[in-house]
């Protein structure tokens, strides 16, 4: 499995959960959404950094 793929996929799931939570618990939803976006960004950096040439 490529390095960085797992955090990116996990970040996508956490971001979706944050979007779902924003309706009922806005503060928690925004926090979870930001946490998920951070995972996506860091996972994407790993994916780009460890590309096979």
Protein backbone atom coordinates (compact mmCIF):
# COMPACT_ATOMS: atom_id res chain seq x y z
CA UNK A 1 0.00 0.00 0.00
CA UNK A 2 1.34 3.43 -0.89
CA UNK A 3 2.52 5.58 1.98
CA UNK A 4 0.04 8.38 2.64
CA UNK A 5 -2.97 6.59 1.20
CA UNK A 6 -4.37 5.48 4.55
CA UNK A 7 -4.32 8.96 6.16
CA UNK A 8 -5.93 10.42 3.04
CA UNK A 9 -8.77 7.88 3.04
CA UNK A 10 -9.21 8.20 6.81
CA UNK A 11 -9.27 11.99 6.46
CA UNK A 12 -11.99 11.75 3.84
CA UNK A 13 -14.15 9.66 6.19
CA UNK A 14 -13.54 12.01 9.13
CA UNK A 15 -14.33 15.05 6.96
CA UNK A 16 -17.61 13.49 5.88
CA UNK A 17 -18.44 12.82 9.53
CA UNK A 18 -17.69 16.44 10.36
CA UNK A 19 -20.00 17.65 7.60
CA UNK A 20 -22.76 15.41 8.96
CA UNK A 21 -22.24 16.68 12.52
CA UNK A 22 -22.38 20.38 11.59
CA UNK A 23 -26.19 20.39 11.52
CA UNK A 24 -26.76 19.18 15.08
CA UNK A 25 -23.48 20.13 16.81
CA UNK A 26 -21.89 22.99 14.83
CA UNK A 27 -18.78 23.52 16.97
CA UNK A 28 -17.95 19.81 17.13
CA UNK A 29 -18.71 19.40 13.43
CA UNK A 30 -16.32 22.17 12.43
CA UNK A 31 -13.61 20.72 14.66
CA UNK A 32 -13.98 17.23 13.23
CA UNK A 33 -14.11 18.65 9.70
CA UNK A 34 -10.86 20.55 10.24
CA UNK A 35 -9.19 17.48 11.71
CA UNK A 36 -10.23 15.46 8.67
CA UNK A 37 -8.99 18.11 6.24
CA UNK A 38 -5.63 18.15 8.01
CA UNK A 39 -5.36 14.37 7.51
CA UNK A 40 -6.18 14.75 3.82
CA UNK A 41 -3.51 17.42 3.36
CA UNK A 42 -0.83 15.50 5.24
CA UNK A 43 -1.68 12.25 3.45
CA UNK A 44 -1.54 14.01 0.08
CA UNK A 45 1.88 15.43 0.95
CA UNK A 46 3.08 11.89 1.74
CA UNK A 47 1.63 10.59 -1.51
CA UNK A 48 3.38 13.29 -3.55
CA UNK A 49 6.63 12.96 -1.62
CA UNK A 50 6.85 9.19 -2.11
CA UNK A 51 5.88 8.98 -5.78
CA UNK A 52 7.55 6.30 -7.78
CA UNK A 53 9.58 7.72 -10.65
